Amino acid sequence: MAVMPRATDDWTVDDLAQLPEDDGLRYELIDGTLIVSPAPRPIHQRACARLSFLLQASCPPDLEVFFAPLDWQPDNRNSLEPDLLVVAGEDVGEENISAPLKLAVEILSPSSRLRDTTLKYAKYAEGGVESYWIVDPGVPSIVAYDLRDGTYVQAASGTGSDDVLLKRPHPVTVTPSDLVTR
């Protein structure tokens, strides 16, 4: 994780529009601090693609599944790019998503592990994201959290060949090892 040099840590979502779009990097804002991440590795992308397929195959018509890059911008100082996100259809417009997400999914990589399990975890809860899943392709594993009274509580988890039934935002069964094996 790198932070772009600047006189202040007061970046806004408007500043993001000034950054290059095709340089292979991922730009996010957390409380006005610009976070720059490298392009993901193949194992990350494999898990993302397979989980996206599972979510889309079971998605009800009132929800929509998206994958990065698509920013969730709950305010002017935060812009996060979950690897996968599920949004109410009525919350999808022409630009970035600002309404609370039904689901944010982060797939861990060496450069994102700490940020995904602490900073983003806190920001998603603060922003009212109903469910948050953390996938670790290295184990492989999945942990699902549901928001209750402003705090995430673990709803399900599993590793390897465990079948994990995830109920929110809609029921889907995930086998962590199937997300990463060739």
N, C-alpha and C. Protein backbone atom coordinates (compact mmCIF):
# COMPACT_ATOMS: atom_id res chain seq x y z
N MET A 1 0.86 -1.16 0.00
CA MET A 1 0.00 0.00 0.00
C MET A 1 0.90 1.22 0.00
N ALA A 2 0.64 2.14 -0.92
CA ALA A 2 1.40 3.37 -1.00
C ALA A 2 0.46 4.55 -0.87
N VAL A 3 0.95 5.63 -0.35
CA VAL A 3 0.16 6.87 -0.25
C VAL A 3 0.82 7.90 -1.14
N MET A 4 0.03 8.51 -2.03
CA MET A 4 0.56 9.51 -2.96
C MET A 4 0.99 10.75 -2.19
N PRO A 5 2.17 11.32 -2.54
CA PRO A 5 2.61 12.53 -1.84
C PRO A 5 1.68 13.71 -2.13
N ARG A 6 1.41 14.48 -1.08
CA ARG A 6 0.55 15.66 -1.20
C ARG A 6 0.72 16.47 0.08
N ALA A 7 0.49 17.75 -0.03
CA ALA A 7 0.67 18.62 1.13
C ALA A 7 -0.28 18.28 2.27
N THR A 8 -1.48 17.77 1.95
CA THR A 8 -2.44 17.43 3.00
C THR A 8 -3.01 16.05 2.76
N ASP A 9 -3.65 15.53 3.75
CA ASP A 9 -4.39 14.28 3.59
C ASP A 9 -5.86 14.59 3.40
N ASP A 10 -6.13 15.59 2.60
CA ASP A 10 -7.51 16.02 2.40
C ASP A 10 -7.95 15.80 0.96
N TRP A 11 -7.72 14.60 0.45
CA TRP A 11 -8.18 14.24 -0.88
C TRP A 11 -9.70 14.12 -0.85
N THR A 12 -10.31 14.41 -1.99
CA THR A 12 -11.76 14.25 -2.13
C THR A 12 -12.05 13.38 -3.35
N VAL A 13 -13.29 12.97 -3.48
CA VAL A 13 -13.66 12.16 -4.64
C VAL A 13 -13.47 12.96 -5.93
N ASP A 14 -13.57 14.28 -5.87
CA ASP A 14 -13.32 15.10 -7.06
C ASP A 14 -11.87 15.01 -7.49
N ASP A 15 -10.95 14.87 -6.53
CA ASP A 15 -9.53 14.72 -6.86
C ASP A 15 -9.25 13.41 -7.60
N LEU A 16 -10.03 12.38 -7.30
CA LEU A 16 -9.83 11.08 -7.96
C LEU A 16 -10.01 11.18 -9.47
N ALA A 17 -10.91 12.06 -9.88
CA ALA A 17 -11.17 12.22 -11.32
C ALA A 17 -9.95 12.74 -12.07
N GLN A 18 -9.00 13.32 -11.36
CA GLN A 18 -7.80 13.87 -11.98
C GLN A 18 -6.70 12.81 -12.17
N LEU A 19 -6.87 11.64 -11.56
CA LEU A 19 -5.84 10.59 -11.61
C LEU A 19 -6.01 9.75 -12.86
N PRO A 20 -4.93 9.12 -13.33
CA PRO A 20 -5.02 8.28 -14.53
C PRO A 20 -5.94 7.08 -14.32
N GLU A 21 -6.66 6.71 -15.38
CA GLU A 21 -7.59 5.58 -15.29
C GLU A 21 -6.99 4.29 -15.80
N ASP A 22 -5.97 4.35 -16.60
CA ASP A 22 -5.47 3.16 -17.28
C ASP A 22 -4.01 2.84 -16.94
N ASP A 23 -3.62 3.10 -15.71
CA ASP A 23 -2.23 2.84 -15.33
C ASP A 23 -2.05 1.52 -14.58
N GLY A 24 -3.13 0.73 -14.45
CA GLY A 24 -3.04 -0.56 -13.79
C GLY A 24 -3.07 -0.50 -12.27
N LEU A 25 -3.25 0.69 -11.72
CA LEU A 25 -3.30 0.84 -10.27
C LEU A 25 -4.73 1.06 -9.81
N ARG A 26 -4.96 0.78 -8.55
CA ARG A 26 -6.28 0.98 -7.94
C ARG A 26 -6.15 2.13 -6.95
N TYR A 27 -7.01 3.13 -7.11
CA TYR A 27 -7.00 4.30 -6.24
C TYR A 27 -8.25 4.30 -5.36
N GLU A 28 -8.05 4.45 -4.06
CA GLU A 28 -9.15 4.52 -3.12
C GLU A 28 -8.88 5.65 -2.14
N LEU A 29 -9.94 6.15 -1.52
CA LEU A 29 -9.82 7.15 -0.47
C LEU A 29 -10.41 6.60 0.81
N ILE A 30 -9.67 6.77 1.89
CA ILE A 30 -10.20 6.44 3.21
C ILE A 30 -9.96 7.65 4.10
N ASP A 31 -11.05 8.29 4.48
CA ASP A 31 -10.99 9.51 5.30
C ASP A 31 -10.04 10.55 4.72
N GLY A 32 -10.10 10.75 3.41
CA GLY A 32 -9.30 11.78 2.75
C GLY A 32 -7.88 11.39 2.42
N THR A 33 -7.46 10.18 2.77
CA THR A 33 -6.12 9.71 2.44
C THR A 33 -6.18 8.83 1.20
N LEU A 34 -5.35 9.14 0.22
CA LEU A 34 -5.31 8.37 -1.02
C LEU A 34 -4.51 7.10 -0.81
N ILE A 35 -5.12 5.98 -1.16
CA ILE A 35 -4.48 4.67 -1.07
C ILE A 35 -4.30 4.14 -2.48
N VAL A 36 -3.08 3.72 -2.82
CA VAL A 36 -2.78 3.21 -4.15
C VAL A 36 -2.36 1.75 -4.01
N SER A 37 -2.99 0.88 -4.79
CA SER A 37 -2.70 -0.55 -4.74
C SER A 37 -2.29 -1.04 -6.12
N PRO A 38 -1.45 -2.08 -6.17
CA PRO A 38 -1.06 -2.65 -7.46
C PRO A 38 -2.20 -3.49 -8.06
N ALA A 39 -2.06 -3.83 -9.31
CA ALA A 39 -3.03 -4.71 -9.97
C ALA A 39 -3.03 -6.07 -9.26
N PRO A 40 -4.21 -6.72 -9.19
CA PRO A 40 -4.29 -8.00 -8.51
C PRO A 40 -3.60 -9.13 -9.25
N ARG A 41 -3.30 -10.21 -8.52
CA ARG A 41 -2.65 -11.40 -9.06
C ARG A 41 -3.69 -12.35 -9.65
N PRO A 42 -3.24 -13.33 -10.45
CA PRO A 42 -4.20 -14.26 -11.07
C PRO A 42 -5.08 -15.02 -10.06
N ILE A 43 -4.54 -15.47 -8.93
CA ILE A 43 -5.36 -16.21 -7.97
C ILE A 43 -6.47 -15.33 -7.41
N HIS A 44 -6.18 -14.07 -7.23
CA HIS A 44 -7.18 -13.09 -6.78
C HIS A 44 -8.28 -12.96 -7.83
N GLN A 45 -7.89 -12.80 -9.07
CA GLN A 45 -8.85 -12.61 -10.15
C GLN A 45 -9.69 -13.86 -10.40
N ARG A 46 -9.07 -15.04 -10.24
CA ARG A 46 -9.81 -16.30 -10.38
C ARG A 46 -10.91 -16.37 -9.32
N ALA A 47 -10.56 -16.09 -8.07
CA ALA A 47 -11.55 -16.13 -7.00
C ALA A 47 -12.64 -15.09 -7.23
N CYS A 48 -12.27 -13.93 -7.68
CA CYS A 48 -13.23 -12.86 -7.94
C CYS A 48 -14.21 -13.27 -9.05
N ALA A 49 -13.69 -13.80 -10.13
CA ALA A 49 -14.54 -14.20 -11.27
C ALA A 49 -15.50 -15.31 -10.87
N ARG A 50 -15.01 -16.31 -10.15
CA ARG A 50 -15.86 -17.43 -9.77
C ARG A 50 -16.93 -17.03 -8.77
N LEU A 51 -16.56 -16.19 -7.81
CA LEU A 51 -17.54 -15.73 -6.84
C LEU A 51 -18.57 -14.82 -7.52
N SER A 52 -18.13 -14.01 -8.45
CA SER A 52 -19.05 -13.16 -9.20
C SER A 52 -20.08 -14.01 -9.94
N PHE A 53 -19.63 -15.09 -10.56
CA PHE A 53 -20.54 -15.99 -11.27
C PHE A 53 -21.58 -16.57 -10.31
N LEU A 54 -21.13 -17.03 -9.14
CA LEU A 54 -22.06 -17.61 -8.16
C LEU A 54 -23.09 -16.57 -7.69
N LEU A 55 -22.62 -15.36 -7.41
CA LEU A 55 -23.53 -14.30 -6.96
C LEU A 55 -24.53 -13.93 -8.06
N GLN A 56 -24.05 -13.81 -9.28
CA GLN A 56 -24.93 -13.42 -10.37
C GLN A 56 -25.96 -14.50 -10.67
N ALA A 57 -25.56 -15.76 -10.58
CA ALA A 57 -26.48 -16.86 -10.88
C ALA A 57 -27.63 -16.95 -9.88
N SER A 58 -27.42 -16.45 -8.67
CA SER A 58 -28.45 -16.55 -7.64
C SER A 58 -29.08 -15.20 -7.30
N CYS A 59 -28.73 -14.17 -8.03
CA CYS A 59 -29.16 -12.81 -7.70
C CYS A 59 -30.63 -12.56 -8.07
N PRO A 60 -31.42 -12.07 -7.12
CA PRO A 60 -32.81 -11.73 -7.45
C PRO A 60 -32.86 -10.48 -8.33
N PRO A 61 -33.96 -10.27 -9.03
CA PRO A 61 -34.04 -9.16 -9.99
C PRO A 61 -33.93 -7.76 -9.40
N ASP A 62 -34.19 -7.60 -8.10
CA ASP A 62 -34.12 -6.26 -7.52
C ASP A 62 -32.70 -5.87 -7.10
N LEU A 63 -31.74 -6.81 -7.23
CA LEU A 63 -30.34 -6.54 -6.89
C LEU A 63 -29.46 -6.68 -8.12
N GLU A 64 -28.28 -6.07 -8.06
CA GLU A 64 -27.34 -6.17 -9.17
C GLU A 64 -25.93 -6.40 -8.62
N VAL A 65 -25.18 -7.28 -9.29
CA VAL A 65 -23.82 -7.62 -8.89
C VAL A 65 -22.85 -6.87 -9.80
N PHE A 66 -21.84 -6.24 -9.20
CA PHE A 66 -20.79 -5.55 -9.94
C PHE A 66 -19.44 -6.02 -9.44
N PHE A 67 -18.40 -5.78 -10.23
CA PHE A 67 -17.03 -6.09 -9.83
C PHE A 67 -16.16 -4.88 -10.10
N ALA A 68 -15.03 -4.82 -9.41
CA ALA A 68 -14.10 -3.69 -9.54
C ALA A 68 -13.59 -3.61 -10.98
N PRO A 69 -13.31 -2.42 -11.43
CA PRO A 69 -13.38 -1.16 -10.70
C PRO A 69 -14.74 -0.50 -10.77
N LEU A 70 -15.34 -0.31 -9.62
CA LEU A 70 -16.54 0.50 -9.45
C LEU A 70 -16.48 1.06 -8.04
N ASP A 71 -16.49 2.38 -7.93
CA ASP A 71 -16.34 3.02 -6.63
C ASP A 71 -17.65 3.10 -5.86
N TRP A 72 -17.54 2.85 -4.57
CA TRP A 72 -18.62 3.16 -3.63
C TRP A 72 -18.16 4.41 -2.89
N GLN A 73 -18.92 5.49 -3.05
CA GLN A 73 -18.54 6.78 -2.49
C GLN A 73 -19.63 7.27 -1.55
N PRO A 74 -19.56 6.87 -0.28
CA PRO A 74 -20.60 7.26 0.66
C PRO A 74 -20.56 8.74 1.04
N ASP A 75 -19.41 9.38 0.82
CA ASP A 75 -19.28 10.81 1.09
C ASP A 75 -18.10 11.33 0.26
N ASN A 76 -17.78 12.60 0.43
CA ASN A 76 -16.76 13.25 -0.40
C ASN A 76 -15.32 12.88 -0.03
N ARG A 77 -15.11 12.22 1.11
CA ARG A 77 -13.75 11.89 1.55
C ARG A 77 -13.45 10.39 1.54
N ASN A 78 -14.42 9.60 1.07
CA ASN A 78 -14.24 8.15 1.03
C ASN A 78 -14.70 7.60 -0.32
N SER A 79 -13.85 6.78 -0.90
CA SER A 79 -14.16 6.12 -2.15
C SER A 79 -13.47 4.76 -2.11
N LEU A 80 -14.27 3.73 -1.92
CA LEU A 80 -13.71 2.39 -1.82
C LEU A 80 -14.14 1.56 -3.02
N GLU A 81 -13.27 0.64 -3.41
CA GLU A 81 -13.52 -0.23 -4.55
C GLU A 81 -13.53 -1.67 -4.09
N PRO A 82 -14.67 -2.17 -3.63
CA PRO A 82 -14.69 -3.59 -3.27
C PRO A 82 -14.43 -4.44 -4.52
N ASP A 83 -13.91 -5.64 -4.31
CA ASP A 83 -13.69 -6.53 -5.45
C ASP A 83 -15.01 -6.91 -6.10
N LEU A 84 -16.02 -7.14 -5.27
CA LEU A 84 -17.38 -7.41 -5.74
C LEU A 84 -18.33 -6.61 -4.87
N LEU A 85 -19.45 -6.19 -5.44
CA LEU A 85 -20.45 -5.49 -4.66
C LEU A 85 -21.83 -5.82 -5.19
N VAL A 86 -22.77 -5.89 -4.28
CA VAL A 86 -24.17 -6.11 -4.63
C VAL A 86 -24.92 -4.87 -4.18
N VAL A 87 -25.73 -4.35 -5.10
CA VAL A 87 -26.42 -3.08 -4.90
C VAL A 87 -27.89 -3.25 -5.25
N ALA A 88 -28.75 -2.55 -4.54
CA ALA A 88 -30.16 -2.50 -4.93
C ALA A 88 -30.24 -1.83 -6.30
N GLY A 89 -31.03 -2.39 -7.20
CA GLY A 89 -31.16 -1.85 -8.54
C GLY A 89 -31.53 -0.38 -8.56
N GLU A 90 -32.35 0.04 -7.62
CA GLU A 90 -32.78 1.44 -7.57
C GLU A 90 -31.65 2.38 -7.18
N ASP A 91 -30.54 1.85 -6.65
CA ASP A 91 -29.40 2.68 -6.24
C ASP A 91 -28.34 2.82 -7.32
N VAL A 92 -28.57 2.22 -8.49
CA VAL A 92 -27.60 2.27 -9.57
C VAL A 92 -27.95 3.42 -10.50
N GLY A 93 -26.99 4.33 -10.67
CA GLY A 93 -27.17 5.46 -11.57
C GLY A 93 -26.08 5.47 -12.62
N GLU A 94 -25.81 6.63 -13.15
CA GLU A 94 -24.79 6.78 -14.19
C GLU A 94 -23.38 6.82 -13.64
N GLU A 95 -23.24 7.27 -12.40
CA GLU A 95 -21.92 7.44 -11.81
C GLU A 95 -21.67 6.37 -10.75
N ASN A 96 -20.82 6.69 -9.81
CA ASN A 96 -20.47 5.78 -8.73
C ASN A 96 -21.65 5.56 -7.79
N ILE A 97 -21.56 4.52 -7.01
CA ILE A 97 -22.61 4.17 -6.05
C ILE A 97 -22.38 4.96 -4.77
N SER A 98 -23.43 5.58 -4.24
CA SER A 98 -23.30 6.31 -2.98
C SER A 98 -24.18 5.73 -1.88
N ALA A 99 -25.24 5.01 -2.25
CA ALA A 99 -26.12 4.41 -1.26
C ALA A 99 -25.40 3.24 -0.58
N PRO A 100 -25.81 2.90 0.64
CA PRO A 100 -25.20 1.75 1.30
C PRO A 100 -25.35 0.48 0.46
N LEU A 101 -24.29 -0.28 0.38
CA LEU A 101 -24.28 -1.51 -0.39
C LEU A 101 -25.02 -2.61 0.35
N LYS A 102 -25.57 -3.54 -0.39
CA LYS A 102 -26.14 -4.74 0.21
C LYS A 102 -25.02 -5.69 0.61
N LEU A 103 -23.94 -5.70 -0.20
CA LEU A 103 -22.79 -6.57 0.06
C LEU A 103 -21.54 -5.96 -0.53
N ALA A 104 -20.45 -6.02 0.25
CA ALA A 104 -19.10 -5.72 -0.25
C ALA A 104 -18.27 -6.98 -0.03
N VAL A 105 -17.50 -7.36 -1.04
CA VAL A 105 -16.61 -8.52 -0.94
C VAL A 105 -15.19 -8.05 -1.22
N GLU A 106 -14.29 -8.40 -0.32
CA GLU A 106 -12.87 -8.15 -0.54
C GLU A 106 -12.15 -9.49 -0.59
N ILE A 107 -11.32 -9.65 -1.60
CA ILE A 107 -10.49 -10.84 -1.76
C ILE A 107 -9.08 -10.43 -1.36
N LEU A 108 -8.57 -11.05 -0.32
CA LEU A 108 -7.29 -10.65 0.24
C LEU A 108 -6.13 -10.93 -0.71
N SER A 109 -5.18 -10.03 -0.67
CA SER A 109 -3.90 -10.20 -1.34
C SER A 109 -2.84 -9.68 -0.37
N PRO A 110 -1.57 -10.01 -0.61
CA PRO A 110 -0.55 -9.54 0.34
C PRO A 110 -0.57 -8.03 0.58
N SER A 111 -0.86 -7.26 -0.46
CA SER A 111 -0.83 -5.80 -0.30
C SER A 111 -2.11 -5.24 0.31
N SER A 112 -3.17 -6.05 0.41
CA SER A 112 -4.44 -5.51 0.88
C SER A 112 -4.93 -6.10 2.20
N ARG A 113 -4.29 -7.13 2.70
CA ARG A 113 -4.79 -7.87 3.86
C ARG A 113 -5.12 -6.96 5.05
N LEU A 114 -4.19 -6.17 5.49
CA LEU A 114 -4.40 -5.32 6.66
C LEU A 114 -5.49 -4.29 6.41
N ARG A 115 -5.46 -3.67 5.25
CA ARG A 115 -6.45 -2.64 4.91
C ARG A 115 -7.85 -3.25 4.82
N ASP A 116 -7.98 -4.42 4.20
CA ASP A 116 -9.29 -5.05 4.03
C ASP A 116 -9.89 -5.54 5.34
N THR A 117 -9.04 -5.99 6.26
CA THR A 117 -9.55 -6.56 7.51
C THR A 117 -9.70 -5.55 8.63
N THR A 118 -9.19 -4.34 8.44
CA THR A 118 -9.32 -3.33 9.49
C THR A 118 -9.97 -2.05 8.96
N LEU A 119 -9.27 -1.31 8.11
CA LEU A 119 -9.79 -0.02 7.64
C LEU A 119 -11.10 -0.16 6.86
N LYS A 120 -11.10 -1.04 5.87
CA LYS A 120 -12.31 -1.19 5.06
C LYS A 120 -13.43 -1.83 5.86
N TYR A 121 -13.10 -2.76 6.70
CA TYR A 121 -14.08 -3.37 7.60
C TYR A 121 -14.81 -2.28 8.38
N ALA A 122 -14.05 -1.36 8.95
CA ALA A 122 -14.64 -0.27 9.74
C ALA A 122 -15.44 0.69 8.86
N LYS A 123 -14.92 1.04 7.70
CA LYS A 123 -15.60 1.98 6.81
C LYS A 123 -16.90 1.40 6.27
N TYR A 124 -16.89 0.12 5.93
CA TYR A 124 -18.12 -0.50 5.44
C TYR A 124 -19.19 -0.51 6.53
N ALA A 125 -18.80 -0.84 7.75
CA ALA A 125 -19.77 -0.84 8.86
C ALA A 125 -20.29 0.58 9.09
N GLU A 126 -19.39 1.54 9.13
CA GLU A 126 -19.78 2.93 9.34
C GLU A 126 -20.72 3.43 8.25
N GLY A 127 -20.50 2.96 7.02
CA GLY A 127 -21.31 3.39 5.88
C GLY A 127 -22.60 2.62 5.69
N GLY A 128 -22.89 1.68 6.59
CA GLY A 128 -24.15 0.96 6.52
C GLY A 128 -24.19 -0.19 5.52
N VAL A 129 -23.03 -0.70 5.10
CA VAL A 129 -22.99 -1.84 4.19
C VAL A 129 -23.53 -3.07 4.93
N GLU A 130 -24.61 -3.64 4.42
CA GLU A 130 -25.35 -4.67 5.15
C GLU A 130 -24.56 -5.96 5.41
N SER A 131 -23.75 -6.38 4.44
CA SER A 131 -22.96 -7.60 4.59
C SER A 131 -21.57 -7.37 4.02
N TYR A 132 -20.59 -8.00 4.66
CA TYR A 132 -19.20 -7.87 4.22
C TYR A 132 -18.58 -9.26 4.25
N TRP A 133 -18.05 -9.69 3.11
CA TRP A 133 -17.39 -10.99 3.02
C TRP A 133 -15.91 -10.77 2.78
N ILE A 134 -15.09 -11.53 3.47
CA ILE A 134 -13.64 -11.51 3.27
C ILE A 134 -13.23 -12.89 2.79
N VAL A 135 -12.64 -12.94 1.60
CA VAL A 135 -12.19 -14.18 0.99
C VAL A 135 -10.66 -14.20 1.01
N ASP A 136 -10.10 -15.28 1.51
CA ASP A 136 -8.64 -15.45 1.51
C ASP A 136 -8.31 -16.60 0.57
N PRO A 137 -7.86 -16.29 -0.65
CA PRO A 137 -7.57 -17.35 -1.61
C PRO A 137 -6.36 -18.20 -1.21
N GLY A 138 -5.50 -17.69 -0.35
CA GLY A 138 -4.33 -18.44 0.07
C GLY A 138 -4.65 -19.60 0.99
N VAL A 139 -5.76 -19.55 1.72
CA VAL A 139 -6.08 -20.61 2.69
C VAL A 139 -6.72 -21.83 2.02
N PRO A 140 -7.72 -21.80 1.21
CA PRO A 140 -8.72 -20.78 0.92
C PRO A 140 -9.82 -20.76 1.99
N SER A 141 -10.41 -19.56 2.17
CA SER A 141 -11.46 -19.41 3.18
C SER A 141 -12.37 -18.24 2.85
N ILE A 142 -13.51 -18.22 3.55
CA ILE A 142 -14.44 -17.10 3.45
C ILE A 142 -15.02 -16.86 4.83
N VAL A 143 -15.14 -15.58 5.19
CA VAL A 143 -15.80 -15.18 6.42
C VAL A 143 -16.83 -14.12 6.03
N ALA A 144 -18.08 -14.33 6.47
CA ALA A 144 -19.16 -13.41 6.16
C ALA A 144 -19.61 -12.71 7.43
N TYR A 145 -19.80 -11.39 7.32
CA TYR A 145 -20.28 -10.58 8.43
C TYR A 145 -21.58 -9.90 8.02
N ASP A 146 -22.51 -9.81 8.96
CA ASP A 146 -23.75 -9.07 8.75
C ASP A 146 -23.78 -7.90 9.72
N LEU A 147 -24.27 -6.78 9.24
CA LEU A 147 -24.36 -5.58 10.07
C LEU A 147 -25.59 -5.65 10.96
N ARG A 148 -25.36 -5.52 12.27
CA ARG A 148 -26.45 -5.50 13.24
C ARG A 148 -26.19 -4.36 14.22
N ASP A 149 -27.11 -3.43 14.25
CA ASP A 149 -26.98 -2.27 15.14
C ASP A 149 -25.65 -1.55 14.96
N GLY A 150 -25.22 -1.40 13.70
CA GLY A 150 -24.01 -0.65 13.39
C GLY A 150 -22.72 -1.40 13.58
N THR A 151 -22.78 -2.68 13.93
CA THR A 151 -21.58 -3.48 14.17
C THR A 151 -21.66 -4.78 13.38
N TYR A 152 -20.54 -5.21 12.83
CA TYR A 152 -20.52 -6.49 12.12
C TYR A 152 -20.45 -7.65 13.10
N VAL A 153 -21.27 -8.65 12.84
CA VAL A 153 -21.22 -9.91 13.57
C VAL A 153 -20.99 -11.01 12.54
N GLN A 154 -20.17 -12.00 12.92
CA GLN A 154 -19.87 -13.08 11.99
C GLN A 154 -21.13 -13.90 11.75
N ALA A 155 -21.48 -14.08 10.48
CA ALA A 155 -22.68 -14.82 10.10
C ALA A 155 -22.36 -16.22 9.61
N ALA A 156 -21.18 -16.41 9.01
CA ALA A 156 -20.79 -17.72 8.48
C ALA A 156 -19.30 -17.68 8.17
N SER A 157 -18.71 -18.87 8.14
CA SER A 157 -17.31 -18.98 7.72
C SER A 157 -17.03 -20.42 7.31
N GLY A 158 -15.99 -20.59 6.53
CA GLY A 158 -15.57 -21.92 6.13
C GLY A 158 -14.24 -21.89 5.43
N THR A 159 -13.58 -23.04 5.40
CA THR A 159 -12.29 -23.16 4.74
C THR A 159 -12.29 -24.40 3.84
N GLY A 160 -11.35 -24.40 2.91
CA GLY A 160 -11.15 -25.57 2.05
C GLY A 160 -12.40 -26.01 1.34
N SER A 161 -12.76 -27.28 1.51
CA SER A 161 -13.90 -27.85 0.79
C SER A 161 -15.21 -27.76 1.55
N ASP A 162 -15.24 -26.96 2.62
CA ASP A 162 -16.51 -26.72 3.34
C ASP A 162 -17.50 -26.01 2.42
N ASP A 163 -18.74 -26.46 2.44
CA ASP A 163 -19.81 -25.71 1.78
C ASP A 163 -20.32 -24.68 2.78
N VAL A 164 -20.31 -23.42 2.39
CA VAL A 164 -20.71 -22.34 3.28
C VAL A 164 -21.97 -21.70 2.71
N LEU A 165 -23.07 -21.78 3.46
CA LEU A 165 -24.31 -21.14 3.05
C LEU A 165 -24.30 -19.70 3.55
N LEU A 166 -24.31 -18.79 2.61
CA LEU A 166 -24.33 -17.36 2.92
C LEU A 166 -25.73 -16.86 2.61
N LYS A 167 -26.37 -16.24 3.58
CA LYS A 167 -27.79 -15.91 3.45
C LYS A 167 -28.05 -14.49 2.99
N ARG A 168 -27.11 -13.57 3.21
CA ARG A 168 -27.33 -12.18 2.83
C ARG A 168 -26.25 -11.75 1.85
N PRO A 169 -26.61 -11.00 0.84
CA PRO A 169 -27.89 -10.35 0.60
C PRO A 169 -28.93 -11.27 -0.03
N HIS A 170 -28.49 -12.42 -0.53
CA HIS A 170 -29.40 -13.45 -1.02
C HIS A 170 -28.68 -14.79 -0.85
N PRO A 171 -29.42 -15.87 -0.69
CA PRO A 171 -28.77 -17.16 -0.42
C PRO A 171 -27.87 -17.64 -1.56
N VAL A 172 -26.68 -18.05 -1.18
CA VAL A 172 -25.73 -18.64 -2.12
C VAL A 172 -24.80 -19.54 -1.32
N THR A 173 -24.45 -20.68 -1.90
CA THR A 173 -23.51 -21.59 -1.25
C THR A 173 -22.16 -21.47 -1.93
N VAL A 174 -21.13 -21.28 -1.11
CA VAL A 174 -19.76 -21.10 -1.62
C VAL A 174 -18.87 -22.18 -1.01
N THR A 175 -18.06 -22.79 -1.85
CA THR A 175 -17.02 -23.72 -1.40
C THR A 175 -15.69 -23.02 -1.65
N PRO A 176 -15.00 -22.56 -0.60
CA PRO A 176 -13.81 -21.75 -0.79
C PRO A 176 -12.76 -22.36 -1.74
N SER A 177 -12.51 -23.66 -1.65
CA SER A 177 -11.49 -24.26 -2.52
C SER A 177 -11.89 -24.20 -3.99
N ASP A 178 -13.20 -24.21 -4.29
CA ASP A 178 -13.65 -24.12 -5.67
C ASP A 178 -13.38 -22.75 -6.29
N LEU A 179 -13.16 -21.75 -5.43
CA LEU A 179 -12.91 -20.40 -5.95
C LEU A 179 -11.49 -20.25 -6.51
N VAL A 180 -10.59 -21.14 -6.10
CA VAL A 180 -9.19 -20.92 -6.47
C VAL A 180 -8.53 -22.07 -7.23
N THR A 181 -9.12 -23.26 -7.23
CA THR A 181 -8.49 -24.38 -7.93
C THR A 181 -8.70 -24.25 -9.42
N ARG A 182 -7.72 -24.72 -10.16
CA ARG A 182 -7.81 -24.65 -11.63
C ARG A 182 -8.67 -25.72 -12.18
